[in-house]
Amino acid sequence: MINHTPTYISLFSSAGVGCFGFKQEGFLCIVTNEILNRRLAIQQLNQKCQFASGYIAGDIKLQQTKDLIHQEIQHWQKLGNYRVDVVIATPPCQGMSIANHKKNEQDLDRNSLVTESVEMIKQINPRFFILENVSAFWKTGCLNKQGQIVTIGQMIQHELGK
C-alpha cells in the first residue's frame, strides 16, 4: 500500500542522479520537476516515478508548473499517501560555483530560484527537506519574495527556520 512506503519529490532534478539513492532505498517518487525535457527523458528511462504524470517539465517559477506538482500530490493523497516524506531541491549553481569565472547580473535571478524551492517546501510541508548545492550556496546572494537581496542562508533560516 502506498501510504506505508516513504515518498519524495525532486525539484531541479536534472537527470535524476541526485535522488537515485532514494529509489535504491525503496522511496517512491511522487513527482520530479525539471525545465529541460531531455533530462526528464533520462529519468523516465530509469523509471524513477511511479506514474507518467509524475514527470513534470516546466519552469518552477510558473504557476502552471506549481499547479501540476500539487495535482500530483493530490493524486497520491487519493491513493492513501497523506504526507510527502522528503522534498529534494538542487537549484542551479552556476552563479555560486567558483568554477564559473563568467558570473554576471543574470546569476542573481538564477540564484534566486532557491526561493521557489523554499516556497514549495513551505506549501508541501514534508517531514524532511534537502537543499543541495555547492559550498558557497549558504553565503550567496539571492532575491527574497519581497525583492530584497539577502544571502540564501538568511532567506532559508527566515522562511524555514521554525
C-alpha atoms as a PDB file:
ATOM      1  CA  MET A   1       0.000   0.000   0.000  1.00  0.00           C
ATOM      2  CA  ILE A   2       1.373   3.398  -0.955  1.00  0.00           C
ATOM      3  CA  ASN A   3       0.747   5.134   2.386  1.00  0.00           C
ATOM      4  CA  HIS A   4       3.322   2.944   4.196  1.00  0.00           C
ATOM      5  CA  THR A   5       6.137   3.455   1.701  1.00  0.00           C
ATOM      6  CA  PRO A   6       8.328   6.556   2.090  1.00  0.00           C
ATOM      7  CA  THR A   7       7.943   9.140  -0.666  1.00  0.00           C
ATOM      8  CA  TYR A   8       9.853  12.060  -2.111  1.00  0.00           C
ATOM      9  CA  ILE A   9       9.595  14.957  -4.530  1.00  0.00           C
ATOM     10  CA  SER A  10      12.574  16.179  -6.540  1.00  0.00           C
ATOM     11  CA  LEU A  11      12.844  19.792  -7.765  1.00  0.00           C
ATOM     12  CA  PHE A  12      15.524  20.882 -10.264  1.00  0.00           C
ATOM     13  CA  SER A  13      16.204  17.189 -10.607  1.00  0.00           C
ATOM     14  CA  SER A  14      18.271  17.266 -13.816  1.00  0.00           C
ATOM     15  CA  ALA A  15      18.746  13.665 -14.970  1.00  0.00           C
ATOM     16  CA  GLY A  16      17.736  12.304 -11.566  1.00  0.00           C
ATOM     17  CA  VAL A  17      21.164  11.172 -10.407  1.00  0.00           C
ATOM     18  CA  GLY A  18      20.944  13.137  -7.150  1.00  0.00           C
ATOM     19  CA  CYS A  19      17.949  11.193  -5.905  1.00  0.00           C
ATOM     20  CA  PHE A  20      18.787   7.769  -7.313  1.00  0.00           C
ATOM     21  CA  GLY A  21      19.777   6.640  -3.807  1.00  0.00           C
ATOM     22  CA  PHE A  22      16.252   7.294  -2.614  1.00  0.00           C
ATOM     23  CA  LYS A  23      14.966   4.888  -5.262  1.00  0.00           C
ATOM     24  CA  GLN A  24      17.553   2.309  -4.211  1.00  0.00           C
ATOM     25  CA  GLU A  25      16.348   2.631  -0.608  1.00  0.00           C
ATOM     26  CA  GLY A  26      12.730   1.959  -1.588  1.00  0.00           C
ATOM     27  CA  PHE A  27      11.363   5.511  -1.608  1.00  0.00           C
ATOM     28  CA  LEU A  28       8.668   6.238  -4.193  1.00  0.00           C
ATOM     29  CA  CYS A  29       8.958   9.340  -6.348  1.00  0.00           C
ATOM     30  CA  ILE A  30       5.710  11.303  -6.287  1.00  0.00           C
ATOM     31  CA  VAL A  31       6.860  13.969  -8.701  1.00  0.00           C
ATOM     32  CA  THR A  32      10.036  15.212 -10.320  1.00  0.00           C
ATOM     33  CA  ASN A  33      10.412  18.609 -11.948  1.00  0.00           C
ATOM     34  CA  GLU A  34      12.966  19.750 -14.488  1.00  0.00           C
ATOM     35  CA  ILE A  35      12.884  22.515 -17.072  1.00  0.00           C
ATOM     36  CA  LEU A  36      14.573  20.503 -19.845  1.00  0.00           C
ATOM     37  CA  ASN A  37      12.677  17.630 -21.455  1.00  0.00           C
ATOM     38  CA  ARG A  38      15.825  15.691 -22.361  1.00  0.00           C
ATOM     39  CA  ARG A  39      16.771  15.474 -18.686  1.00  0.00           C
ATOM     40  CA  LEU A  40      13.320  14.168 -17.782  1.00  0.00           C
ATOM     41  CA  ALA A  41      13.657  11.608 -20.590  1.00  0.00           C
ATOM     42  CA  ILE A  42      16.649  10.095 -18.766  1.00  0.00           C
ATOM     43  CA  GLN A  43      14.608   9.869 -15.574  1.00  0.00           C
ATOM     44  CA  GLN A  44      11.807   8.150 -17.481  1.00  0.00           C
ATOM     45  CA  LEU A  45      14.278   5.625 -18.913  1.00  0.00           C
ATOM     46  CA  ASN A  46      15.381   4.899 -15.343  1.00  0.00           C
ATOM     47  CA  GLN A  47      11.731   4.546 -14.279  1.00  0.00           C
ATOM     48  CA  LYS A  48      12.118   6.999 -11.450  1.00  0.00           C
ATOM     49  CA  CYS A  49       8.424   7.852 -10.877  1.00  0.00           C
ATOM     50  CA  GLN A  50       5.542   5.503 -10.264  1.00  0.00           C
ATOM     51  CA  PHE A  51       3.230   7.287 -12.704  1.00  0.00           C
ATOM     52  CA  ALA A  52       3.877   9.026 -16.030  1.00  0.00           C
ATOM     53  CA  SER A  53       2.127  12.116 -14.655  1.00  0.00           C
ATOM     54  CA  GLY A  54       4.925  12.451 -12.087  1.00  0.00           C
ATOM     55  CA  TYR A  55       7.414  13.733 -14.697  1.00  0.00           C
ATOM     56  CA  ILE A  56       6.762  17.468 -14.948  1.00  0.00           C
ATOM     57  CA  ALA A  57       8.705  19.531 -17.475  1.00  0.00           C
ATOM     58  CA  GLY A  58       8.387  23.215 -16.772  1.00  0.00           C
ATOM     59  CA  ASP A  59       9.708  26.347 -15.172  1.00  0.00           C
ATOM     60  CA  ILE A  60       9.177  26.197 -11.400  1.00  0.00           C
ATOM     61  CA  LYS A  61       8.549  29.956 -11.417  1.00  0.00           C
ATOM     62  CA  LEU A  62       5.336  29.464 -13.399  1.00  0.00           C
ATOM     63  CA  GLN A  63       2.079  28.864 -11.543  1.00  0.00           C
ATOM     64  CA  GLN A  64       1.134  26.257 -14.165  1.00  0.00           C
ATOM     65  CA  THR A  65       4.144  24.128 -13.187  1.00  0.00           C
ATOM     66  CA  LYS A  66       3.423  24.519  -9.473  1.00  0.00           C
ATOM     67  CA  ASP A  67      -0.192  23.530 -10.068  1.00  0.00           C
ATOM     68  CA  LEU A  68       0.893  20.324 -11.841  1.00  0.00           C
ATOM     69  CA  ILE A  69       3.144  19.443  -8.891  1.00  0.00           C
ATOM     70  CA  HIS A  70       0.284  19.998  -6.427  1.00  0.00           C
ATOM     71  CA  GLN A  71      -2.108  17.982  -8.619  1.00  0.00           C
ATOM     72  CA  GLU A  72       0.265  15.038  -8.477  1.00  0.00           C
ATOM     73  CA  ILE A  73       0.498  15.316  -4.683  1.00  0.00           C
ATOM     74  CA  GLN A  74      -3.322  15.303  -4.557  1.00  0.00           C
ATOM     75  CA  HIS A  75      -3.362  12.227  -6.815  1.00  0.00           C
ATOM     76  CA  TRP A  76      -1.188  10.400  -4.283  1.00  0.00           C
ATOM     77  CA  GLN A  77      -3.373  11.618  -1.399  1.00  0.00           C
ATOM     78  CA  LYS A  78      -6.377   9.972  -3.085  1.00  0.00           C
ATOM     79  CA  LEU A  79      -4.346   6.745  -3.135  1.00  0.00           C
ATOM     80  CA  GLY A  80      -3.839   6.949   0.635  1.00  0.00           C
ATOM     81  CA  ASN A  81      -0.497   8.732   0.861  1.00  0.00           C
ATOM     82  CA  TYR A  82      -1.322  11.528   3.280  1.00  0.00           C
ATOM     83  CA  ARG A  83       2.152  13.059   3.504  1.00  0.00           C
ATOM     84  CA  VAL A  84       5.291  13.742   1.472  1.00  0.00           C
ATOM     85  CA  ASP A  85       8.304  12.456   3.372  1.00  0.00           C
ATOM     86  CA  VAL A  86      11.129  14.327   1.626  1.00  0.00           C
ATOM     87  CA  VAL A  87      11.491  17.239  -0.791  1.00  0.00           C
ATOM     88  CA  ILE A  88      14.871  17.340  -2.521  1.00  0.00           C
ATOM     89  CA  ALA A  89      15.855  20.547  -4.307  1.00  0.00           C
ATOM     90  CA  THR A  90      19.064  21.147  -6.227  1.00  0.00           C
ATOM     91  CA  PRO A  91      18.662  24.634  -7.719  1.00  0.00           C
ATOM     92  CA  PRO A  92      21.158  25.807 -10.357  1.00  0.00           C
ATOM     93  CA  CYS A  93      24.640  26.531  -9.028  1.00  0.00           C
ATOM     94  CA  GLN A  94      26.286  28.380 -11.929  1.00  0.00           C
ATOM     95  CA  GLY A  95      26.006  31.738 -10.146  1.00  0.00           C
ATOM     96  CA  MET A  96      27.525  30.329  -6.954  1.00  0.00           C
ATOM     97  CA  SER A  97      30.219  27.991  -8.149  1.00  0.00           C
ATOM     98  CA  ILE A  98      33.874  29.026  -8.056  1.00  0.00           C
ATOM     99  CA  ALA A  99      34.218  27.095 -11.315  1.00  0.00           C
ATOM    100  CA  ASN A 100      32.159  29.790 -13.096  1.00  0.00           C
ATOM    101  CA  HIS A 101      34.530  32.628 -13.910  1.00  0.00           C
ATOM    102  CA  LYS A 102      31.952  34.416 -16.080  1.00  0.00           C
ATOM    103  CA  LYS A 103      29.375  35.329 -13.440  1.00  0.00           C
ATOM    104  CA  ASN A 104      27.085  38.236 -14.298  1.00  0.00           C
ATOM    105  CA  GLU A 105      23.903  40.024 -13.196  1.00  0.00           C
ATOM    106  CA  GLN A 106      21.699  37.261 -14.608  1.00  0.00           C
ATOM    107  CA  ASP A 107      23.143  34.936 -11.980  1.00  0.00           C
ATOM    108  CA  LEU A 108      21.197  36.748  -9.231  1.00  0.00           C
ATOM    109  CA  ASP A 109      17.950  35.674 -10.925  1.00  0.00           C
ATOM    110  CA  ARG A 110      19.223  32.116 -11.306  1.00  0.00           C
ATOM    111  CA  ASN A 111      20.461  32.074  -7.687  1.00  0.00           C
ATOM    112  CA  SER A 112      17.016  33.258  -6.630  1.00  0.00           C
ATOM    113  CA  LEU A 113      15.416  30.059  -7.926  1.00  0.00           C
ATOM    114  CA  VAL A 114      16.139  28.682  -4.470  1.00  0.00           C
ATOM    115  CA  THR A 115      13.291  30.891  -3.219  1.00  0.00           C
ATOM    116  CA  GLU A 116      10.938  28.853  -5.408  1.00  0.00           C
ATOM    117  CA  SER A 117      12.197  25.684  -3.708  1.00  0.00           C
ATOM    118  CA  VAL A 118      11.645  27.232  -0.289  1.00  0.00           C
ATOM    119  CA  GLU A 119       8.097  28.302  -1.209  1.00  0.00           C
ATOM    120  CA  MET A 120       7.307  24.784  -2.450  1.00  0.00           C
ATOM    121  CA  ILE A 121       8.730  23.261   0.744  1.00  0.00           C
ATOM    122  CA  LYS A 122       6.532  25.578   2.821  1.00  0.00           C
ATOM    123  CA  GLN A 123       3.433  24.635   0.818  1.00  0.00           C
ATOM    124  CA  ILE A 124       4.119  20.893   0.732  1.00  0.00           C
ATOM    125  CA  ASN A 125       5.275  20.668   4.368  1.00  0.00           C
ATOM    126  CA  PRO A 126       7.309  17.452   4.046  1.00  0.00           C
ATOM    127  CA  ARG A 127       8.717  15.577   7.025  1.00  0.00           C
ATOM    128  CA  PHE A 128      12.225  16.488   5.790  1.00  0.00           C
ATOM    129  CA  PHE A 129      13.797  18.591   3.076  1.00  0.00           C
ATOM    130  CA  ILE A 130      17.205  18.621   1.430  1.00  0.00           C
ATOM    131  CA  LEU A 131      18.623  21.666  -0.332  1.00  0.00           C
ATOM    132  CA  GLU A 132      21.792  20.529  -2.092  1.00  0.00           C
ATOM    133  CA  ASN A 133      24.314  22.774  -3.794  1.00  0.00           C
ATOM    134  CA  VAL A 134      27.925  23.976  -3.910  1.00  0.00           C
ATOM    135  CA  SER A 135      29.869  25.075  -0.814  1.00  0.00           C
ATOM    136  CA  ALA A 136      29.239  28.802  -1.460  1.00  0.00           C
ATOM    137  CA  PHE A 137      25.470  28.210  -1.510  1.00  0.00           C
ATOM    138  CA  TRP A 138      24.715  29.442   2.030  1.00  0.00           C
ATOM    139  CA  LYS A 139      26.562  32.768   1.593  1.00  0.00           C
ATOM    140  CA  THR A 140      25.443  33.566  -1.972  1.00  0.00           C
ATOM    141  CA  GLY A 141      23.042  36.445  -2.582  1.00  0.00           C
ATOM    142  CA  CYS A 142      19.509  35.926  -3.865  1.00  0.00           C
ATOM    143  CA  LEU A 143      16.254  37.858  -4.070  1.00  0.00           C
ATOM    144  CA  ASN A 144      13.714  37.016  -1.414  1.00  0.00           C
ATOM    145  CA  LYS A 145       9.966  37.221  -2.079  1.00  0.00           C
ATOM    146  CA  GLN A 146       9.992  40.895  -1.056  1.00  0.00           C
ATOM    147  CA  GLY A 147      12.588  41.650  -3.766  1.00  0.00           C
ATOM    148  CA  GLN A 148      15.401  42.296  -1.290  1.00  0.00           C
ATOM    149  CA  ILE A 149      18.907  40.927  -1.781  1.00  0.00           C
ATOM    150  CA  VAL A 150      19.788  38.595   1.101  1.00  0.00           C
ATOM    151  CA  THR A 151      22.052  35.595   1.458  1.00  0.00           C
ATOM    152  CA  ILE A 152      20.478  32.257   0.667  1.00  0.00           C
ATOM    153  CA  GLY A 153      21.259  31.139   4.212  1.00  0.00           C
ATOM    154  CA  GLN A 154      19.410  34.126   5.713  1.00  0.00           C
ATOM    155  CA  MET A 155      16.421  33.521   3.466  1.00  0.00           C
ATOM    156  CA  ILE A 156      16.260  29.809   4.303  1.00  0.00           C
ATOM    157  CA  GLN A 157      16.557  30.474   8.046  1.00  0.00           C
ATOM    158  CA  HIS A 158      13.877  33.170   7.891  1.00  0.00           C
ATOM    159  CA  GLU A 159      11.422  31.111   5.821  1.00  0.00           C
ATOM    160  CA  LEU A 160      12.039  27.587   7.130  1.00  0.00           C
ATOM    161  CA  GLY A 161      13.779  28.130  10.481  1.00  0.00           C
ATOM    162  CA  LYS A 162      10.809  27.100  12.559  1.00  0.00           C
END
